[in-house]
Protein backbone atom coordinates (compact mmCIF):
# COMPACT_ATOMS: atom_id res chain seq x y z
CA MET A 1 31.46 13.21 19.90
CA SER A 2 28.06 14.91 20.37
CA SER A 3 26.28 14.31 23.67
CA ILE A 4 22.47 14.11 23.74
CA SER A 5 20.03 14.05 26.67
CA PHE A 6 16.37 14.93 27.14
CA CYS A 7 17.21 18.05 29.17
CA ASP A 8 17.02 21.14 26.95
CA THR A 9 19.96 22.79 28.71
CA SER A 10 22.33 19.83 28.26
CA TRP A 11 21.14 18.41 24.92
CA MET A 12 24.01 19.41 22.70
CA ILE A 13 24.77 19.16 19.01
CA GLY A 14 28.46 19.92 19.02
CA GLU A 15 28.52 22.98 21.30
CA VAL A 16 25.01 24.13 20.37
CA THR A 17 22.29 23.31 22.90
CA LEU A 18 18.62 22.67 22.25
CA ASP A 19 17.86 25.43 24.75
CA GLN A 20 19.70 27.96 22.57
CA LEU A 21 17.64 26.90 19.55
CA ARG A 22 14.41 27.27 21.51
CA VAL A 23 15.46 30.75 22.66
CA LEU A 24 16.16 31.71 19.04
CA VAL A 25 12.69 30.52 17.98
CA ALA A 26 11.11 32.42 20.90
CA VAL A 27 12.88 35.68 19.99
CA ALA A 28 11.86 35.38 16.33
CA GLU A 29 8.21 34.65 17.23
CA ALA A 30 7.93 37.27 20.02
CA GLY A 31 9.62 40.00 17.97
CA SER A 32 12.18 41.16 20.54
CA PHE A 33 14.54 39.94 23.23
CA SER A 34 12.42 41.44 26.01
CA ALA A 35 9.19 39.85 24.75
CA ALA A 36 10.94 36.49 24.42
CA ALA A 37 12.25 36.82 27.99
CA ARG A 38 8.71 37.35 29.26
CA ARG A 39 7.46 34.34 27.31
CA LEU A 40 10.29 32.13 28.61
CA ARG A 41 10.04 33.63 32.13
CA ARG A 42 13.68 34.62 32.15
CA VAL A 43 15.57 37.86 32.55
CA GLN A 44 16.38 39.62 29.29
CA SER A 45 20.14 39.35 29.89
CA ALA A 46 19.86 35.51 29.91
CA VAL A 47 18.08 35.57 26.55
CA SER A 48 20.66 37.98 25.06
CA GLN A 49 23.50 35.82 26.38
CA ALA A 50 22.00 32.63 24.87
CA ILE A 51 21.78 34.26 21.43
CA ALA A 52 25.31 35.69 21.72
CA ASN A 53 26.70 32.27 22.60
CA LEU A 54 24.83 30.69 19.67
CA GLU A 55 26.28 33.26 17.26
CA ARG A 56 29.77 32.68 18.63
CA GLN A 57 29.50 28.89 18.37
CA LEU A 58 28.11 29.01 14.81
CA GLU A 59 30.38 31.92 13.81
CA VAL A 60 27.42 33.64 12.16
CA ALA A 61 25.66 36.92 12.99
CA ILE A 62 22.03 35.84 13.48
CA PHE A 63 20.62 39.28 14.39
CA ASP A 64 21.39 42.75 13.04
CA ARG A 65 21.75 44.94 16.14
CA SER A 66 22.32 48.21 14.30
CA THR A 67 18.60 48.94 14.32
CA ARG A 68 16.39 49.84 17.30
CA VAL A 69 14.87 46.37 17.28
CA PRO A 70 17.24 43.50 16.37
CA THR A 71 16.26 41.91 13.07
CA LEU A 72 17.26 38.58 11.55
CA THR A 73 20.07 38.62 9.04
CA GLU A 74 19.90 36.56 5.87
CA PRO A 75 22.01 33.75 7.44
CA GLY A 76 19.91 34.16 10.59
CA ARG A 77 16.70 33.33 8.73
CA ALA A 78 18.25 30.11 7.43
CA ILE A 79 19.46 29.16 10.93
CA LEU A 80 16.00 29.92 12.36
CA ALA A 81 14.38 27.52 9.86
CA ALA A 82 16.85 24.79 10.82
CA ALA A 83 16.30 25.46 14.53
CA ARG A 84 12.54 25.00 14.10
CA ARG A 85 13.08 21.70 12.30
CA VAL A 86 15.40 20.41 15.05
CA ALA A 87 13.04 21.47 17.84
CA GLY A 88 10.11 19.89 16.02
CA GLU A 89 11.95 16.59 15.55
CA VAL A 90 12.91 16.52 19.21
CA ASP A 91 9.28 17.09 20.22
CA ALA A 92 8.21 14.28 17.89
CA LEU A 93 10.87 12.00 19.39
CA ARG A 94 9.62 12.74 22.86
CA GLY A 95 6.05 11.97 21.75
CA VAL A 96 7.09 8.63 20.29
CA ALA A 97 9.03 7.72 23.42
CA ALA A 98 6.10 8.66 25.67
CA GLY A 99 3.66 6.68 23.50
CA LEU A 100 5.90 3.61 23.45
CA ALA A 101 6.20 3.79 27.23
CA GLN A 102 2.38 3.62 27.38
CA GLY A 103 2.16 0.76 24.86
CA LEU A 104 1.39 2.91 21.78
CA GLU A 105 2.28 1.20 18.50
CA PRO A 106 4.87 2.87 16.25
CA ALA A 107 2.83 1.98 13.14
CA VAL A 108 -0.66 0.84 12.12
CA SER A 109 -1.59 -1.10 8.98
CA LEU A 110 -5.16 -1.31 7.65
CA CYS A 111 -6.54 -3.14 4.60
CA VAL A 112 -10.11 -2.38 3.47
CA ASP A 113 -12.40 -4.00 0.94
CA ALA A 114 -12.96 -2.06 -2.27
CA LEU A 115 -16.65 -1.71 -1.30
CA PHE A 116 -15.77 0.29 1.82
CA PRO A 117 -16.99 3.92 1.48
CA LEU A 118 -14.10 6.16 0.50
CA GLN A 119 -15.49 9.16 2.37
CA VAL A 120 -15.49 7.15 5.61
CA LEU A 121 -11.88 6.06 5.03
CA VAL A 122 -10.78 9.67 4.46
CA ALA A 123 -12.59 10.82 7.62
CA LEU A 124 -10.94 8.02 9.59
CA CYS A 125 -7.45 8.96 8.35
CA ARG A 126 -8.05 12.65 9.11
CA GLU A 127 -9.05 11.89 12.69
CA PHE A 128 -6.20 9.41 13.08
CA ALA A 129 -3.63 12.02 12.06
CA ALA A 130 -4.93 14.36 14.75
CA ALA A 131 -5.19 11.69 17.45
CA PHE A 132 -1.88 9.88 16.77
CA PRO A 133 0.54 12.27 15.02
CA SER A 134 3.55 10.11 15.87
CA VAL A 135 2.10 6.82 14.56
CA ALA A 136 2.78 5.82 10.95
CA LEU A 137 -0.26 4.62 8.98
CA ARG A 138 -0.45 2.27 5.99
CA VAL A 139 -3.75 1.78 4.12
CA ASP A 140 -4.28 -0.84 1.40
CA THR A 141 -7.38 -1.63 -0.67
CA GLU A 142 -8.11 -5.17 -1.83
CA THR A 143 -11.07 -7.16 -3.14
CA MET A 144 -12.97 -9.70 -1.04
CA SER A 145 -10.77 -12.61 0.15
CA ASP A 146 -7.54 -10.70 -0.47
CA VAL A 147 -8.31 -8.55 2.59
CA ALA A 148 -8.46 -11.56 4.91
CA ALA A 149 -5.35 -13.03 3.27
CA ARG A 150 -3.31 -9.91 4.07
CA VAL A 151 -4.48 -9.92 7.69
CA LEU A 152 -3.72 -13.63 8.13
CA ALA A 153 -0.27 -13.17 6.60
CA GLY A 154 0.50 -10.27 8.94
CA ALA A 155 0.82 -7.75 6.09
CA ALA A 156 -2.05 -5.81 7.72
CA THR A 157 -2.98 -5.81 11.38
CA LEU A 158 -6.59 -4.75 10.76
CA GLY A 159 -8.93 -5.38 7.85
CA VAL A 160 -12.45 -4.53 6.74
CA ALA A 161 -14.11 -7.35 4.81
CA ALA A 162 -17.47 -8.93 3.94
CA PRO A 163 -18.51 -12.00 5.99
CA ILE A 164 -18.21 -14.33 3.00
CA ALA A 165 -14.52 -13.40 2.69
CA VAL A 166 -13.58 -13.79 6.37
CA ALA A 167 -11.32 -16.81 6.86
CA PRO A 168 -11.09 -18.99 10.00
CA GLY A 169 -8.77 -17.70 12.71
CA LEU A 170 -9.95 -14.10 12.42
CA GLU A 171 -11.88 -12.10 15.00
CA ARG A 172 -14.56 -9.81 13.58
CA ARG A 173 -16.62 -6.83 14.71
CA PRO A 174 -19.65 -5.96 12.56
CA LEU A 175 -19.82 -2.46 11.11
CA ALA A 176 -22.74 -0.58 9.58
CA PRO A 177 -24.23 -2.22 6.45
CA ILE A 178 -23.33 -1.16 2.92
CA ARG A 179 -26.39 -1.05 0.65
CA MET A 180 -25.86 -2.18 -2.93
CA ILE A 181 -28.12 -0.85 -5.69
CA ALA A 182 -28.59 -2.38 -9.13
CA VAL A 183 -28.18 0.39 -11.71
CA ALA A 184 -27.86 1.09 -15.41
CA ALA A 185 -27.17 4.24 -17.41
CA ALA A 186 -30.16 6.47 -18.13
CA GLY A 187 -29.97 5.61 -21.84
CA HIS A 188 -29.72 1.85 -21.27
CA PRO A 189 -32.81 -0.20 -22.32
CA LEU A 190 -33.23 -1.58 -18.79
CA ALA A 191 -33.51 1.93 -17.35
CA ARG A 192 -36.86 2.42 -19.14
CA VAL A 193 -38.45 -0.69 -17.63
CA ARG A 194 -41.04 0.07 -14.96
CA GLY A 195 -41.34 -2.35 -12.05
CA LYS A 196 -39.38 -5.53 -11.54
CA ILE A 197 -37.32 -6.98 -14.36
CA ALA A 198 -37.45 -10.70 -15.08
CA SER A 199 -34.16 -12.61 -15.13
CA ALA A 200 -34.80 -13.63 -18.74
CA ARG A 201 -34.79 -9.98 -19.76
CA LEU A 202 -31.69 -9.21 -17.70
CA ALA A 203 -29.93 -12.10 -19.44
CA ASP A 204 -30.17 -10.20 -22.73
CA HIS A 205 -27.77 -7.56 -21.41
CA VAL A 206 -24.19 -7.51 -20.13
CA GLN A 207 -23.79 -7.57 -16.35
CA VAL A 208 -20.61 -5.90 -15.06
CA VAL A 209 -19.30 -7.89 -12.07
CA LEU A 210 -16.65 -7.09 -9.44
CA SER A 211 -14.42 -10.14 -9.40
CA GLU A 212 -11.41 -11.54 -7.53
CA ARG A 213 -8.06 -10.87 -9.18
CA GLY A 214 -6.94 -14.49 -8.85
CA THR A 215 -8.66 -17.77 -9.65
CA ALA A 216 -8.83 -18.74 -5.97
CA GLY A 217 -10.98 -17.03 -3.39
CA VAL A 218 -14.63 -16.06 -3.21
CA PRO A 219 -16.76 -16.87 -6.30
CA ASP A 220 -18.42 -14.00 -8.15
CA GLN A 221 -21.49 -12.79 -6.30
CA ALA A 222 -25.02 -11.79 -7.44
CA VAL A 223 -24.58 -12.88 -11.07
CA LEU A 224 -27.87 -13.13 -13.00
CA SER A 225 -26.79 -12.70 -16.60
CA PRO A 226 -24.80 -15.27 -18.61
CA ARG A 227 -23.21 -12.30 -20.38
CA THR A 228 -20.72 -10.90 -17.87
CA TRP A 229 -17.84 -8.47 -17.96
CA ARG A 230 -15.50 -8.85 -14.97
CA VAL A 231 -13.51 -6.00 -13.42
CA ALA A 232 -11.21 -5.86 -10.38
CA ASP A 233 -12.09 -2.38 -9.04
CA LEU A 234 -15.26 -0.40 -8.44
CA HIS A 235 -14.23 2.77 -10.25
CA THR A 236 -13.81 0.87 -13.52
CA LYS A 237 -17.19 -0.77 -12.95
CA GLN A 238 -18.81 2.61 -12.29
CA ALA A 239 -17.30 4.09 -15.46
CA LEU A 240 -18.52 1.19 -17.60
CA LEU A 241 -22.04 1.45 -16.20
CA ARG A 242 -22.12 5.22 -16.75
CA ALA A 243 -21.13 4.58 -20.36
CA GLY A 244 -24.17 2.34 -20.83
CA LEU A 245 -22.12 -0.80 -21.41
CA GLY A 246 -24.09 -2.96 -18.98
CA TRP A 247 -25.85 -3.10 -15.64
CA GLY A 248 -24.65 -4.06 -12.17
CA ASN A 249 -24.56 -3.41 -8.43
CA LEU A 250 -22.75 -0.45 -6.85
CA PRO A 251 -22.64 0.86 -3.26
CA ALA A 252 -25.39 3.42 -2.62
CA ALA A 253 -23.00 5.98 -1.14
CA MET A 254 -20.76 5.76 -4.20
CA ILE A 255 -23.51 6.61 -6.69
CA GLU A 256 -25.57 9.23 -4.82
CA ASP A 257 -24.42 11.98 -7.20
CA ASP A 258 -24.97 9.76 -10.26
CA LEU A 259 -28.55 9.01 -9.18
CA ARG A 260 -29.37 12.65 -8.46
CA ALA A 261 -27.89 13.82 -11.76
CA GLY A 262 -29.63 11.05 -13.71
CA ARG A 263 -26.43 9.54 -15.05
CA LEU A 264 -27.41 6.23 -13.48
CA VAL A 265 -30.89 4.84 -12.78
CA ALA A 266 -31.86 2.21 -10.21
CA ILE A 267 -33.40 -0.97 -11.63
CA ARG A 268 -35.23 -3.80 -9.82
CA PRO A 269 -34.22 -7.38 -10.71
CA ALA A 270 -37.19 -9.63 -9.89
CA ALA A 271 -34.86 -12.34 -8.56
CA TRP A 272 -33.66 -10.12 -5.69
CA ALA A 273 -35.45 -8.94 -2.58
CA GLU A 274 -35.29 -5.22 -1.82
CA ASP A 275 -32.61 -5.64 0.88
CA GLU A 276 -30.96 -8.80 -0.42
CA HIS A 277 -27.74 -7.06 -1.38
CA THR A 278 -26.97 -5.21 1.81
CA LEU A 279 -23.42 -6.15 2.81
CA HIS A 280 -22.48 -6.23 6.48
CA LEU A 281 -18.78 -5.44 6.44
CA ALA A 282 -16.76 -6.19 9.57
CA ALA A 283 -13.48 -5.09 11.12
CA ILE A 284 -11.20 -8.13 11.34
CA HIS A 285 -7.90 -9.06 12.96
CA ARG A 286 -6.03 -12.23 13.86
CA ALA A 287 -7.27 -13.95 17.00
CA ASP A 288 -3.74 -14.09 18.43
CA THR A 289 -3.11 -10.36 17.94
CA ILE A 290 -3.21 -8.04 20.96
CA LEU A 291 -4.35 -4.67 19.69
CA GLY A 292 -2.59 -1.58 21.00
CA PRO A 293 -4.23 1.80 21.70
CA ALA A 294 -4.06 3.05 18.10
CA HIS A 295 -5.51 -0.16 16.66
CA ARG A 296 -8.32 -0.23 19.24
CA TRP A 297 -9.08 3.41 18.44
CA ILE A 298 -9.40 2.57 14.73
CA VAL A 299 -11.87 -0.25 15.40
CA GLU A 300 -14.05 2.01 17.56
CA ARG A 301 -13.97 4.91 15.10
CA LEU A 302 -14.72 2.60 12.18
CA ALA A 303 -17.95 1.53 13.86
CA THR A 304 -18.97 5.11 14.70
CA LEU A 305 -18.10 6.62 11.32
CA CYS A 306 -19.80 3.83 9.38
CA ALA A 307 -23.00 4.26 11.41
CA ALA A 308 -22.96 8.03 10.81
CA ASP A 309 -22.37 7.56 7.09
CA GLN A 310 -25.22 5.06 6.85
CA ALA A 311 -27.57 7.51 8.56
CA SER A 312 -26.61 10.38 6.25
CA ALA A 313 -27.06 8.17 3.19
CA GLY A 314 -30.59 7.16 4.16
CA THR A 315 -32.07 9.11 1.27
CA ALA A 316 -30.14 7.15 -1.34
CA GLY A 317 -32.87 4.52 -1.67
CA ALA A 318 -35.59 7.12 -2.19
CA ASP A 319 -33.41 9.02 -4.65
CA ALA A 320 -32.75 5.78 -6.51
CA SER A 321 -36.46 5.00 -6.84
CA SER A 322 -37.41 8.50 -7.93
CA SER A 323 -34.52 8.68 -10.40
CA ARG A 324 -35.67 5.41 -11.97
CA THR A 325 -39.18 6.84 -12.41
CA ARG A 326 -37.89 10.11 -13.85
CA ALA A 327 -35.58 8.33 -16.26
CA GLY A 328 -38.38 6.08 -17.45
CA ALA A 329 -40.61 9.06 -18.10
CA ALA A 330 -37.77 10.88 -19.85
CA GLY A 331 -37.19 7.89 -22.07
CA ARG A 332 -40.85 7.75 -23.06
CA ARG A 333 -40.89 11.49 -23.77
CA THR A 334 -37.82 11.12 -25.94
CA ALA A 335 -39.36 8.23 -27.86
CA ASN A 336 -42.56 10.20 -28.51
CA SER A 337 -41.05 13.62 -29.10
CA VAL A 338 -41.01 13.26 -32.92
CA ALA A 339 -44.13 12.06 -34.70
CA PRO A 340 -43.80 9.21 -37.24
CA GLY A 341 -42.96 10.46 -40.71
CA LEU A 342 -41.76 13.87 -39.53
CA THR A 343 -38.23 15.08 -38.92
CA SER A 344 -37.17 17.09 -35.90
CA GLU A 345 -37.03 20.17 -38.17
CA THR A 346 -40.68 19.97 -39.35
CA GLN A 347 -42.19 18.88 -36.05
CA PRO A 348 -41.94 22.27 -34.25
CA GLY A 349 -43.86 24.01 -37.06
CA ARG A 350 -46.70 21.52 -36.81
CA ALA A 351 -46.81 21.92 -33.04
CA ARG A 352 -47.14 25.70 -33.35
CA GLU A 353 -49.95 25.36 -35.91
CA THR A 354 -51.84 22.96 -33.63
CA ARG A 355 -51.48 25.26 -30.63
CA ALA A 356 -52.68 28.25 -32.65
CA ALA A 357 -55.73 26.31 -33.86
CA ARG A 358 -56.60 25.26 -30.30
CA ALA A 359 -56.27 28.84 -29.09
CA ARG A 360 -58.96 29.90 -31.63
CA GLY A 361 -61.27 27.20 -30.42
CA ARG A 362 -61.26 24.94 -33.52
CA PRO A 363 -58.63 22.67 -35.05
CA GLY A 364 -58.33 22.37 -38.77
CA LYS A 365 -56.95 23.94 -41.90
CA ARG A 366 -56.66 27.66 -42.54
CA GLY A 367 -59.52 27.66 -45.07
CA ARG A 368 -62.01 26.19 -42.66
CA ARG A 369 -60.89 28.54 -39.90
CA ASP A 370 -61.31 31.57 -42.20
CA LYS A 371 -64.80 30.47 -43.32
CA ALA A 372 -65.90 29.87 -39.79
CA ALA A 373 -64.63 33.28 -38.80
CA ARG A 374 -66.81 35.20 -41.39
CA PRO A 375 -69.92 36.92 -39.90
CA VAL A 376 -73.29 35.43 -40.84
CA LYS A 377 -75.61 37.80 -42.81
CA ALA A 378 -79.01 38.64 -41.37
CA GLY A 379 -81.88 36.52 -42.66
CA LYS A 380 -79.73 33.48 -43.44
CA ALA A 381 -79.48 30.37 -41.33
């Protein structure tokens, strides 16, 4: 039966020791037995003996010694790959054991609201992987009250939810606000309205609303139009709005590119104040949960990353306002680009004739221009 201990020299898999595998990796990386001996701070004979014993125990020639510098054989390359995997797993095991001894959790579970900025979530996961390589991570995305439900049920240790969806029995830490912007596609009738839009006018158009999946939970928020389409995820909502099928609120960070490119235009419902739909998401967890190092790290980084994202997205409001103005002007130009009674094919010809007449100083027909251009004879008025 194989004996295993945390000492490299006595950790054995059959007759093969972990020390022999590490020596093999060192020789392959250093390029020679002598260079490996210097790296390992051993005499070269000890390194050569470790490799010879490994070859004898595995009954495979790992190095070709017929050349000036020993080179890996074909079987040797396969054994080297396996040795690296074993050494890596042992290092990971040691990391887990050390973390557990210090109270580090073996796994972390996080559930975020669909409104949470995706770029912040990706940045958080990237930093988490570097800070806690031995800790497993699970990330779920839910809508409104479903986040709190998962945390209360223990399916997620941490959550990120809006205040309206936070249930009793949960501790919360406020994060940076998420600004919501009412938008419509550039070709939508509401996009050409300047200034605030009365609720009666909004009611003439479909409002696309992010809604709970089940009948229970938080009621639909910020509904002004009796004509509503309900969706359960933001990406579907964004696609429908881009297609001009309605109007609705979306997070500012999510639609920065759409606003700059003119695919979406900010609109101003008269029933809402300018900052009325700024959501203050919060990190939540059960009051009876004692957070370990990895969970505490996530809460701290969530606050920092959300604040940084909010600062970098400060231009979204200005972009939204300017895009609405540009889209309105573009709509008016489009409406007036073809004169009544003329087709798009005849209009350019008329425009050229008008410009030519203005360049000569007088508008009018060719006959009048020619007559005006003739020189006046002497003696005549």
